[in-house]
Amino acid sequence: MATVSKQFFRGSASLAETTLYSVPSSTSAIVTNIIITNTSGDLATVTIELNGVPIILDGEIQANDAIVWDIKQVLSELDTITASSSSTDVNFHISGVEIS
């Protein structure tokens, strides 16, 4: 059984719900860290879902601020991480471990 630390997603948010990561076949994954940054001068909202279940629903992130979230959430093969934001000045940094 191979365990690999991995960057699941690093990039700008989309205004529409977008898939950021899909667990590969014959693999499970553990989300370990989510960092959300807002580089704009305005308040933004974000939604993040793990396989269709919101873990953050319209959460607010202040202007020029960051949220660091250390979590342990298991995803099964073909599960997804999706996200959206009210601003494209929001960035997501999602890390974890894949187990195959």
C-alpha atoms as a PDB file:
ATOM      1  CA  MET A   1       0.000   0.000   0.000  1.00  0.00           C
ATOM      2  CA  ALA A   2       1.599   3.262  -1.174  1.00  0.00           C
ATOM      3  CA  THR A   3       0.994   6.513   0.681  1.00  0.00           C
ATOM      4  CA  VAL A   4       1.877   9.754  -1.102  1.00  0.00           C
ATOM      5  CA  SER A   5       1.590  13.312   0.228  1.00  0.00           C
ATOM      6  CA  LYS A   6       0.045  15.407  -2.500  1.00  0.00           C
ATOM      7  CA  GLN A   7      -1.108  18.855  -3.480  1.00  0.00           C
ATOM      8  CA  PHE A   8      -4.742  18.271  -4.463  1.00  0.00           C
ATOM      9  CA  PHE A   9      -5.333  21.793  -5.760  1.00  0.00           C
ATOM     10  CA  ARG A  10      -3.645  25.170  -5.812  1.00  0.00           C
ATOM     11  CA  GLY A  11      -5.211  27.991  -7.753  1.00  0.00           C
ATOM     12  CA  SER A  12      -7.856  30.645  -8.173  1.00  0.00           C
ATOM     13  CA  ALA A  13     -11.486  30.151  -7.301  1.00  0.00           C
ATOM     14  CA  SER A  14     -14.232  30.088  -9.874  1.00  0.00           C
ATOM     15  CA  LEU A  15     -17.545  31.888  -9.533  1.00  0.00           C
ATOM     16  CA  ALA A  16     -19.319  28.649 -10.481  1.00  0.00           C
ATOM     17  CA  GLU A  17     -18.990  25.329  -8.664  1.00  0.00           C
ATOM     18  CA  THR A  18     -15.870  23.651 -10.053  1.00  0.00           C
ATOM     19  CA  THR A  19     -14.232  20.296  -9.384  1.00  0.00           C
ATOM     20  CA  LEU A  20     -10.828  20.903  -7.811  1.00  0.00           C
ATOM     21  CA  TYR A  21      -9.835  17.280  -7.223  1.00  0.00           C
ATOM     22  CA  SER A  22     -11.112  13.776  -7.985  1.00  0.00           C
ATOM     23  CA  VAL A  23      -9.785  10.739  -6.144  1.00  0.00           C
ATOM     24  CA  PRO A  24      -8.240   8.329  -8.696  1.00  0.00           C
ATOM     25  CA  SER A  25      -9.548   4.792  -9.195  1.00  0.00           C
ATOM     26  CA  SER A  26      -8.343   2.182  -6.679  1.00  0.00           C
ATOM     27  CA  THR A  27      -7.253   4.985  -4.362  1.00  0.00           C
ATOM     28  CA  SER A  28      -8.513   6.697  -1.236  1.00  0.00           C
ATOM     29  CA  ALA A  29      -7.458  10.143  -0.067  1.00  0.00           C
ATOM     30  CA  ILE A  30      -7.262  12.107   3.152  1.00  0.00           C
ATOM     31  CA  VAL A  31      -7.672  15.879   3.008  1.00  0.00           C
ATOM     32  CA  THR A  32      -5.282  17.299   5.608  1.00  0.00           C
ATOM     33  CA  ASN A  33      -5.067  21.047   4.968  1.00  0.00           C
ATOM     34  CA  ILE A  34      -7.146  23.725   3.314  1.00  0.00           C
ATOM     35  CA  ILE A  35      -5.870  27.284   3.011  1.00  0.00           C
ATOM     36  CA  ILE A  36      -8.147  29.941   1.561  1.00  0.00           C
ATOM     37  CA  THR A  37      -6.779  33.385   0.723  1.00  0.00           C
ATOM     38  CA  ASN A  38      -8.639  36.511  -0.333  1.00  0.00           C
ATOM     39  CA  THR A  39      -6.339  38.957  -2.114  1.00  0.00           C
ATOM     40  CA  SER A  40      -9.071  41.514  -2.872  1.00  0.00           C
ATOM     41  CA  GLY A  41     -10.054  44.556  -0.869  1.00  0.00           C
ATOM     42  CA  ASP A  42     -13.595  43.219  -0.428  1.00  0.00           C
ATOM     43  CA  LEU A  43     -15.276  40.533   1.660  1.00  0.00           C
ATOM     44  CA  ALA A  44     -15.775  37.252  -0.252  1.00  0.00           C
ATOM     45  CA  THR A  45     -17.763  34.087   0.360  1.00  0.00           C
ATOM     46  CA  VAL A  46     -16.674  30.524  -0.360  1.00  0.00           C
ATOM     47  CA  THR A  47     -18.291  27.116  -0.547  1.00  0.00           C
ATOM     48  CA  ILE A  48     -16.318  23.849  -0.422  1.00  0.00           C
ATOM     49  CA  GLU A  49     -17.920  20.425  -0.750  1.00  0.00           C
ATOM     50  CA  LEU A  50     -16.461  16.964  -0.202  1.00  0.00           C
ATOM     51  CA  ASN A  51     -18.321  14.574  -2.497  1.00  0.00           C
ATOM     52  CA  GLY A  52     -21.370  16.826  -2.609  1.00  0.00           C
ATOM     53  CA  VAL A  53     -21.533  17.525   1.130  1.00  0.00           C
ATOM     54  CA  PRO A  54     -20.717  21.122   2.145  1.00  0.00           C
ATOM     55  CA  ILE A  55     -17.968  21.544   4.716  1.00  0.00           C
ATOM     56  CA  ILE A  56     -18.040  25.330   4.212  1.00  0.00           C
ATOM     57  CA  LEU A  57     -21.276  26.848   2.914  1.00  0.00           C
ATOM     58  CA  ASP A  58     -21.118  30.526   1.968  1.00  0.00           C
ATOM     59  CA  GLY A  59     -18.367  31.063   4.532  1.00  0.00           C
ATOM     60  CA  GLU A  60     -17.034  34.601   4.721  1.00  0.00           C
ATOM     61  CA  ILE A  61     -13.399  35.521   4.260  1.00  0.00           C
ATOM     62  CA  GLN A  62     -12.414  39.074   4.988  1.00  0.00           C
ATOM     63  CA  ALA A  63     -10.529  41.318   2.563  1.00  0.00           C
ATOM     64  CA  ASN A  64      -6.792  40.573   2.355  1.00  0.00           C
ATOM     65  CA  ASP A  65      -7.114  37.691   4.787  1.00  0.00           C
ATOM     66  CA  ALA A  66      -6.436  33.959   4.939  1.00  0.00           C
ATOM     67  CA  ILE A  67      -8.057  30.966   6.612  1.00  0.00           C
ATOM     68  CA  VAL A  68      -5.887  27.970   7.530  1.00  0.00           C
ATOM     69  CA  TRP A  69      -7.803  24.791   8.279  1.00  0.00           C
ATOM     70  CA  ASP A  70      -6.110  21.594   9.447  1.00  0.00           C
ATOM     71  CA  ILE A  71      -8.576  18.726   9.018  1.00  0.00           C
ATOM     72  CA  LYS A  72      -8.665  14.980   8.495  1.00  0.00           C
ATOM     73  CA  GLN A  73     -11.410  13.957   6.061  1.00  0.00           C
ATOM     74  CA  VAL A  74     -11.330  10.660   4.175  1.00  0.00           C
ATOM     75  CA  LEU A  75     -12.464  10.439   0.541  1.00  0.00           C
ATOM     76  CA  SER A  76     -13.097   7.200  -1.330  1.00  0.00           C
ATOM     77  CA  GLU A  77     -12.176   6.453  -4.931  1.00  0.00           C
ATOM     78  CA  LEU A  78     -13.833   8.795  -7.452  1.00  0.00           C
ATOM     79  CA  ASP A  79     -15.036  11.187  -4.692  1.00  0.00           C
ATOM     80  CA  THR A  80     -14.565  14.876  -5.473  1.00  0.00           C
ATOM     81  CA  ILE A  81     -13.684  18.193  -3.900  1.00  0.00           C
ATOM     82  CA  THR A  82     -15.657  21.058  -5.426  1.00  0.00           C
ATOM     83  CA  ALA A  83     -15.605  24.763  -4.624  1.00  0.00           C
ATOM     84  CA  SER A  84     -16.865  28.160  -5.652  1.00  0.00           C
ATOM     85  CA  SER A  85     -16.460  31.735  -4.491  1.00  0.00           C
ATOM     86  CA  SER A  86     -18.050  35.127  -4.913  1.00  0.00           C
ATOM     87  CA  SER A  87     -14.666  36.430  -6.137  1.00  0.00           C
ATOM     88  CA  THR A  88     -11.937  35.172  -8.437  1.00  0.00           C
ATOM     89  CA  ASP A  89      -9.471  36.921  -6.078  1.00  0.00           C
ATOM     90  CA  VAL A  90      -9.942  33.970  -3.720  1.00  0.00           C
ATOM     91  CA  ASN A  91      -7.374  31.166  -3.909  1.00  0.00           C
ATOM     92  CA  PHE A  92      -7.583  27.607  -2.628  1.00  0.00           C
ATOM     93  CA  HIS A  93      -4.591  25.548  -1.481  1.00  0.00           C
ATOM     94  CA  ILE A  94      -5.664  21.978  -0.673  1.00  0.00           C
ATOM     95  CA  SER A  95      -3.256  19.256   0.424  1.00  0.00           C
ATOM     96  CA  GLY A  96      -3.566  15.687   1.553  1.00  0.00           C
ATOM     97  CA  VAL A  97      -2.478  12.094   1.220  1.00  0.00           C
ATOM     98  CA  GLU A  98      -3.377   9.512  -1.426  1.00  0.00           C
ATOM     99  CA  ILE A  99      -3.402   5.837  -0.441  1.00  0.00           C
ATOM    100  CA  SER A 100      -3.333   3.219  -3.202  1.00  0.00           C
END
